[in-house]
N, C-alpha and C. Protein backbone atom coordinates (compact mmCIF):
# COMPACT_ATOMS: atom_id res chain seq x y z
N UNK A 1 2.22 -9.11 1.49
CA UNK A 1 1.26 -8.48 2.37
C UNK A 1 1.67 -7.03 2.57
N UNK A 2 0.68 -6.13 2.51
CA UNK A 2 0.95 -4.73 2.77
C UNK A 2 -0.27 -4.11 3.44
N UNK A 3 -0.06 -2.92 3.99
CA UNK A 3 -1.13 -2.20 4.65
C UNK A 3 -0.96 -0.71 4.39
N UNK A 4 -2.07 0.01 4.46
CA UNK A 4 -2.05 1.46 4.40
C UNK A 4 -2.38 1.96 5.80
N UNK A 5 -1.43 2.72 6.39
CA UNK A 5 -1.52 3.12 7.79
C UNK A 5 -1.47 4.64 7.87
N UNK A 6 -2.23 5.19 8.82
CA UNK A 6 -2.15 6.62 9.08
C UNK A 6 -1.19 6.84 10.25
N UNK A 7 -0.10 7.56 9.97
CA UNK A 7 0.90 7.85 10.98
C UNK A 7 1.08 9.36 11.04
N UNK A 8 0.78 9.95 12.17
CA UNK A 8 0.92 11.39 12.41
C UNK A 8 0.19 12.21 11.36
N UNK A 9 -1.02 11.78 10.98
CA UNK A 9 -1.83 12.53 10.04
C UNK A 9 -1.53 12.28 8.57
N UNK A 10 -0.56 11.44 8.26
CA UNK A 10 -0.23 11.12 6.88
C UNK A 10 -0.42 9.63 6.64
N UNK A 11 -0.74 9.27 5.40
CA UNK A 11 -0.96 7.87 5.05
C UNK A 11 0.28 7.30 4.38
N UNK A 12 0.65 6.09 4.81
CA UNK A 12 1.82 5.40 4.26
C UNK A 12 1.43 3.98 3.89
N UNK A 13 1.96 3.50 2.76
CA UNK A 13 1.83 2.09 2.40
C UNK A 13 3.07 1.38 2.93
N UNK A 14 2.86 0.36 3.79
CA UNK A 14 3.98 -0.30 4.45
C UNK A 14 3.98 -1.78 4.17
N UNK A 15 5.18 -2.35 4.11
CA UNK A 15 5.41 -3.78 3.98
C UNK A 15 6.24 -4.23 5.17
N UNK A 16 6.16 -5.50 5.56
CA UNK A 16 7.03 -5.97 6.65
C UNK A 16 8.50 -5.82 6.28
N UNK A 17 9.32 -5.50 7.26
CA UNK A 17 10.77 -5.29 7.16
C UNK A 17 11.14 -4.12 6.24
N UNK A 18 10.24 -3.17 6.08
CA UNK A 18 10.52 -1.98 5.28
C UNK A 18 10.92 -0.83 6.20
N UNK A 19 11.87 -0.01 5.75
CA UNK A 19 12.30 1.16 6.51
C UNK A 19 11.75 2.41 5.83
N UNK A 20 11.23 3.35 6.64
CA UNK A 20 10.73 4.58 6.08
C UNK A 20 10.84 5.71 7.08
N UNK A 21 10.78 6.93 6.55
CA UNK A 21 10.85 8.13 7.36
C UNK A 21 9.45 8.69 7.53
N UNK A 22 9.07 8.96 8.78
CA UNK A 22 7.76 9.52 9.11
C UNK A 22 7.99 10.80 9.91
N UNK A 23 6.98 11.66 10.02
CA UNK A 23 7.14 12.83 10.88
C UNK A 23 7.50 12.41 12.29
N UNK A 24 8.22 13.25 12.98
CA UNK A 24 8.82 12.89 14.28
C UNK A 24 7.82 12.30 15.25
N UNK A 25 8.20 11.15 15.82
CA UNK A 25 7.40 10.47 16.83
C UNK A 25 8.04 10.65 18.20
N UNK A 26 7.26 10.45 19.25
CA UNK A 26 7.75 10.67 20.60
C UNK A 26 8.54 9.50 21.17
N UNK A 27 8.51 8.34 20.54
CA UNK A 27 9.18 7.17 21.08
C UNK A 27 10.69 7.30 21.08
N UNK A 28 11.32 6.67 22.08
CA UNK A 28 12.78 6.66 22.15
C UNK A 28 13.34 5.65 21.14
N UNK A 29 14.63 5.74 20.89
CA UNK A 29 15.29 4.84 19.95
C UNK A 29 15.23 3.41 20.50
N UNK A 30 15.03 2.45 19.61
CA UNK A 30 14.94 1.00 19.90
C UNK A 30 13.69 0.62 20.68
N UNK A 31 12.64 1.43 20.63
CA UNK A 31 11.37 1.03 21.23
C UNK A 31 10.41 0.61 20.13
N UNK A 32 9.43 -0.16 20.52
CA UNK A 32 8.40 -0.64 19.59
C UNK A 32 7.18 0.26 19.72
N UNK A 33 6.68 0.75 18.59
CA UNK A 33 5.47 1.57 18.58
C UNK A 33 4.41 0.83 17.78
N UNK A 34 3.15 1.00 18.18
CA UNK A 34 2.03 0.35 17.50
C UNK A 34 1.15 1.42 16.87
N UNK A 35 0.69 1.13 15.66
CA UNK A 35 -0.21 2.02 14.95
C UNK A 35 -1.54 1.30 14.77
N UNK A 36 -2.62 1.91 15.27
CA UNK A 36 -3.93 1.28 15.24
C UNK A 36 -4.76 1.71 14.03
N UNK A 37 -4.43 2.82 13.43
CA UNK A 37 -5.23 3.34 12.32
C UNK A 37 -4.82 2.68 11.01
N UNK A 38 -5.22 1.44 10.81
CA UNK A 38 -4.95 0.70 9.59
C UNK A 38 -6.14 0.92 8.67
N UNK A 39 -5.92 1.58 7.54
CA UNK A 39 -7.01 1.93 6.64
C UNK A 39 -7.29 0.85 5.61
N UNK A 40 -6.27 0.09 5.24
CA UNK A 40 -6.42 -0.97 4.25
C UNK A 40 -5.45 -2.07 4.58
N UNK A 41 -5.88 -3.32 4.40
CA UNK A 41 -5.04 -4.47 4.69
C UNK A 41 -5.16 -5.43 3.52
N UNK A 42 -4.04 -5.75 2.87
CA UNK A 42 -4.04 -6.65 1.72
C UNK A 42 -3.08 -7.79 1.97
N UNK A 43 -3.51 -8.99 1.62
CA UNK A 43 -2.67 -10.16 1.81
C UNK A 43 -3.08 -11.28 0.87
N UNK A 44 -2.79 -12.52 1.28
CA UNK A 44 -3.12 -13.68 0.46
C UNK A 44 -4.62 -13.91 0.38
N UNK A 45 -5.35 -13.54 1.44
CA UNK A 45 -6.79 -13.79 1.47
C UNK A 45 -7.59 -12.73 0.74
N UNK A 46 -6.96 -11.64 0.35
CA UNK A 46 -7.66 -10.59 -0.36
C UNK A 46 -7.40 -9.23 0.27
N UNK A 47 -8.24 -8.27 -0.09
CA UNK A 47 -8.09 -6.91 0.39
C UNK A 47 -9.24 -6.58 1.32
N UNK A 48 -8.89 -6.04 2.50
CA UNK A 48 -9.91 -5.59 3.46
C UNK A 48 -9.77 -4.08 3.60
N UNK A 49 -10.86 -3.38 3.32
CA UNK A 49 -10.87 -1.93 3.41
C UNK A 49 -11.64 -1.55 4.66
N UNK A 50 -11.09 -0.66 5.45
CA UNK A 50 -11.71 -0.26 6.70
C UNK A 50 -12.81 0.76 6.49
N UNK A 51 -13.63 0.91 7.53
CA UNK A 51 -14.72 1.89 7.49
C UNK A 51 -14.78 2.62 8.81
N UNK A 52 -13.96 3.53 9.18
CA UNK A 52 -12.80 4.07 8.45
C UNK A 52 -11.52 3.26 8.65
N UNK A 53 -11.46 2.40 9.70
CA UNK A 53 -10.26 1.58 9.92
C UNK A 53 -10.65 0.12 9.95
N UNK A 54 -9.67 -0.74 9.73
CA UNK A 54 -9.87 -2.19 9.81
C UNK A 54 -9.84 -2.58 11.29
N UNK A 55 -10.91 -3.19 11.76
CA UNK A 55 -11.02 -3.53 13.18
C UNK A 55 -10.04 -4.63 13.56
N UNK A 56 -9.36 -4.45 14.70
CA UNK A 56 -8.49 -5.48 15.26
C UNK A 56 -7.14 -5.63 14.59
N UNK A 57 -6.78 -4.77 13.67
CA UNK A 57 -5.48 -4.90 13.00
C UNK A 57 -4.56 -3.77 13.45
N UNK A 58 -3.31 -4.12 13.64
CA UNK A 58 -2.30 -3.16 14.07
C UNK A 58 -1.02 -3.36 13.26
N UNK A 59 -0.20 -2.35 13.26
CA UNK A 59 1.12 -2.41 12.63
C UNK A 59 2.14 -2.07 13.70
N UNK A 60 3.14 -2.93 13.88
CA UNK A 60 4.19 -2.70 14.86
C UNK A 60 5.46 -2.27 14.14
N UNK A 61 6.12 -1.26 14.69
CA UNK A 61 7.34 -0.73 14.09
C UNK A 61 8.35 -0.45 15.18
N UNK A 62 9.62 -0.49 14.80
CA UNK A 62 10.72 -0.21 15.71
C UNK A 62 11.33 1.12 15.33
N UNK A 63 11.54 1.99 16.31
CA UNK A 63 12.15 3.29 16.06
C UNK A 63 13.66 3.09 15.93
N UNK A 64 14.20 3.50 14.77
CA UNK A 64 15.64 3.33 14.53
C UNK A 64 16.43 4.57 14.92
N UNK A 65 15.98 5.75 14.49
CA UNK A 65 16.70 6.97 14.83
C UNK A 65 15.83 8.18 14.54
N UNK A 66 16.22 9.31 15.11
CA UNK A 66 15.58 10.59 14.85
C UNK A 66 16.56 11.43 14.03
N UNK A 67 16.11 11.95 12.89
CA UNK A 67 16.98 12.70 11.99
C UNK A 67 16.32 14.01 11.59
N UNK A 68 17.14 14.90 11.01
CA UNK A 68 16.64 16.15 10.45
C UNK A 68 16.85 16.13 8.94
N UNK A 69 15.91 16.74 8.22
CA UNK A 69 15.99 16.84 6.78
C UNK A 69 16.97 17.96 6.40
N UNK A 70 17.24 18.11 5.13
CA UNK A 70 18.10 19.19 4.67
C UNK A 70 17.45 20.54 4.95
N UNK A 71 18.28 21.56 5.07
CA UNK A 71 17.78 22.90 5.38
C UNK A 71 17.07 23.49 4.15
N UNK A 72 15.93 24.11 4.41
CA UNK A 72 15.17 24.82 3.40
C UNK A 72 15.26 26.30 3.73
N UNK A 73 15.72 27.10 2.78
CA UNK A 73 15.86 28.54 2.98
C UNK A 73 14.56 29.23 2.53
N UNK A 74 13.99 30.04 3.42
CA UNK A 74 12.80 30.83 3.11
C UNK A 74 13.26 32.28 3.04
N UNK A 75 13.20 32.87 1.84
CA UNK A 75 13.66 34.24 1.65
C UNK A 75 12.49 35.08 1.16
N UNK A 76 12.19 36.15 1.88
CA UNK A 76 11.11 37.06 1.51
C UNK A 76 11.71 38.42 1.19
N UNK A 77 11.17 39.06 0.16
CA UNK A 77 11.69 40.37 -0.22
C UNK A 77 10.58 41.16 -0.91
N UNK A 78 10.54 42.45 -0.59
CA UNK A 78 9.67 43.37 -1.30
C UNK A 78 10.57 44.41 -1.95
N UNK A 79 10.54 44.49 -3.24
CA UNK A 79 11.48 45.35 -3.95
C UNK A 79 11.20 46.82 -3.68
N UNK A 80 12.29 47.55 -3.64
CA UNK A 80 12.29 49.01 -3.42
C UNK A 80 11.75 49.42 -2.06
N UNK A 81 11.54 48.51 -1.13
CA UNK A 81 11.02 48.86 0.19
C UNK A 81 12.04 48.61 1.30
N UNK A 82 13.13 47.96 0.98
CA UNK A 82 14.13 47.66 1.99
C UNK A 82 13.73 46.51 2.91
N UNK A 83 12.80 45.68 2.47
CA UNK A 83 12.31 44.57 3.30
C UNK A 83 12.92 43.27 2.81
N UNK A 84 13.75 42.66 3.64
CA UNK A 84 14.34 41.36 3.34
C UNK A 84 14.37 40.53 4.60
N UNK A 85 13.89 39.28 4.53
CA UNK A 85 13.91 38.36 5.66
C UNK A 85 14.43 37.02 5.15
N UNK A 86 15.42 36.48 5.84
CA UNK A 86 15.96 35.18 5.47
C UNK A 86 15.82 34.25 6.67
N UNK A 87 15.11 33.17 6.47
CA UNK A 87 14.90 32.18 7.54
C UNK A 87 15.21 30.80 7.01
N UNK A 88 15.65 29.93 7.90
CA UNK A 88 15.90 28.55 7.54
C UNK A 88 15.02 27.62 8.35
N UNK A 89 14.78 26.43 7.80
CA UNK A 89 13.94 25.45 8.50
C UNK A 89 14.46 24.06 8.19
N UNK A 90 14.52 23.21 9.23
CA UNK A 90 14.89 21.81 9.06
C UNK A 90 13.79 20.95 9.66
N UNK A 91 13.12 20.17 8.81
CA UNK A 91 12.04 19.30 9.26
C UNK A 91 12.61 18.09 9.99
N UNK A 92 11.97 17.69 11.09
CA UNK A 92 12.44 16.55 11.87
C UNK A 92 11.64 15.30 11.50
N UNK A 93 12.36 14.20 11.32
CA UNK A 93 11.76 12.92 10.95
C UNK A 93 12.23 11.82 11.89
N UNK A 94 11.50 10.73 11.89
CA UNK A 94 11.88 9.53 12.63
C UNK A 94 11.97 8.39 11.63
N UNK A 95 13.07 7.66 11.65
CA UNK A 95 13.20 6.49 10.81
C UNK A 95 12.68 5.28 11.55
N UNK A 96 11.74 4.55 10.94
CA UNK A 96 11.18 3.37 11.58
C UNK A 96 11.34 2.18 10.65
N UNK A 97 11.32 0.99 11.26
CA UNK A 97 11.33 -0.25 10.50
C UNK A 97 10.08 -1.03 10.88
N UNK A 98 9.31 -1.44 9.89
CA UNK A 98 8.07 -2.16 10.12
C UNK A 98 8.42 -3.58 10.54
N UNK A 99 7.99 -3.96 11.74
CA UNK A 99 8.28 -5.30 12.26
C UNK A 99 7.22 -6.32 11.81
N UNK A 100 5.95 -5.99 12.02
CA UNK A 100 4.90 -6.95 11.66
C UNK A 100 3.59 -6.21 11.39
N UNK A 101 2.74 -6.87 10.61
CA UNK A 101 1.39 -6.39 10.33
C UNK A 101 0.45 -7.46 10.87
N UNK A 102 -0.36 -7.10 11.87
CA UNK A 102 -1.25 -8.07 12.52
C UNK A 102 -2.68 -7.82 12.08
């Protein structure tokens, strides 16, 4: 059984007991979060496609930890003008574990 869920504006294909990284969520560690925007639900009975979402289906996940991705260096330069800017960025993610697909 699997589902396609929209989490923080991005679509993820999830299976029960699967761990994945999603854009940072507001939930504290070890809390259960529910996602209502289930776009597709597939199982033993077949595939149900939502219009735009599957009615009455939810995905429950447990927040495991909040982490940061590796640093990305953004370097801008215009030659012969003396313009140089160096900036770094670290994207924040939340690791979740899918508990159940209802």
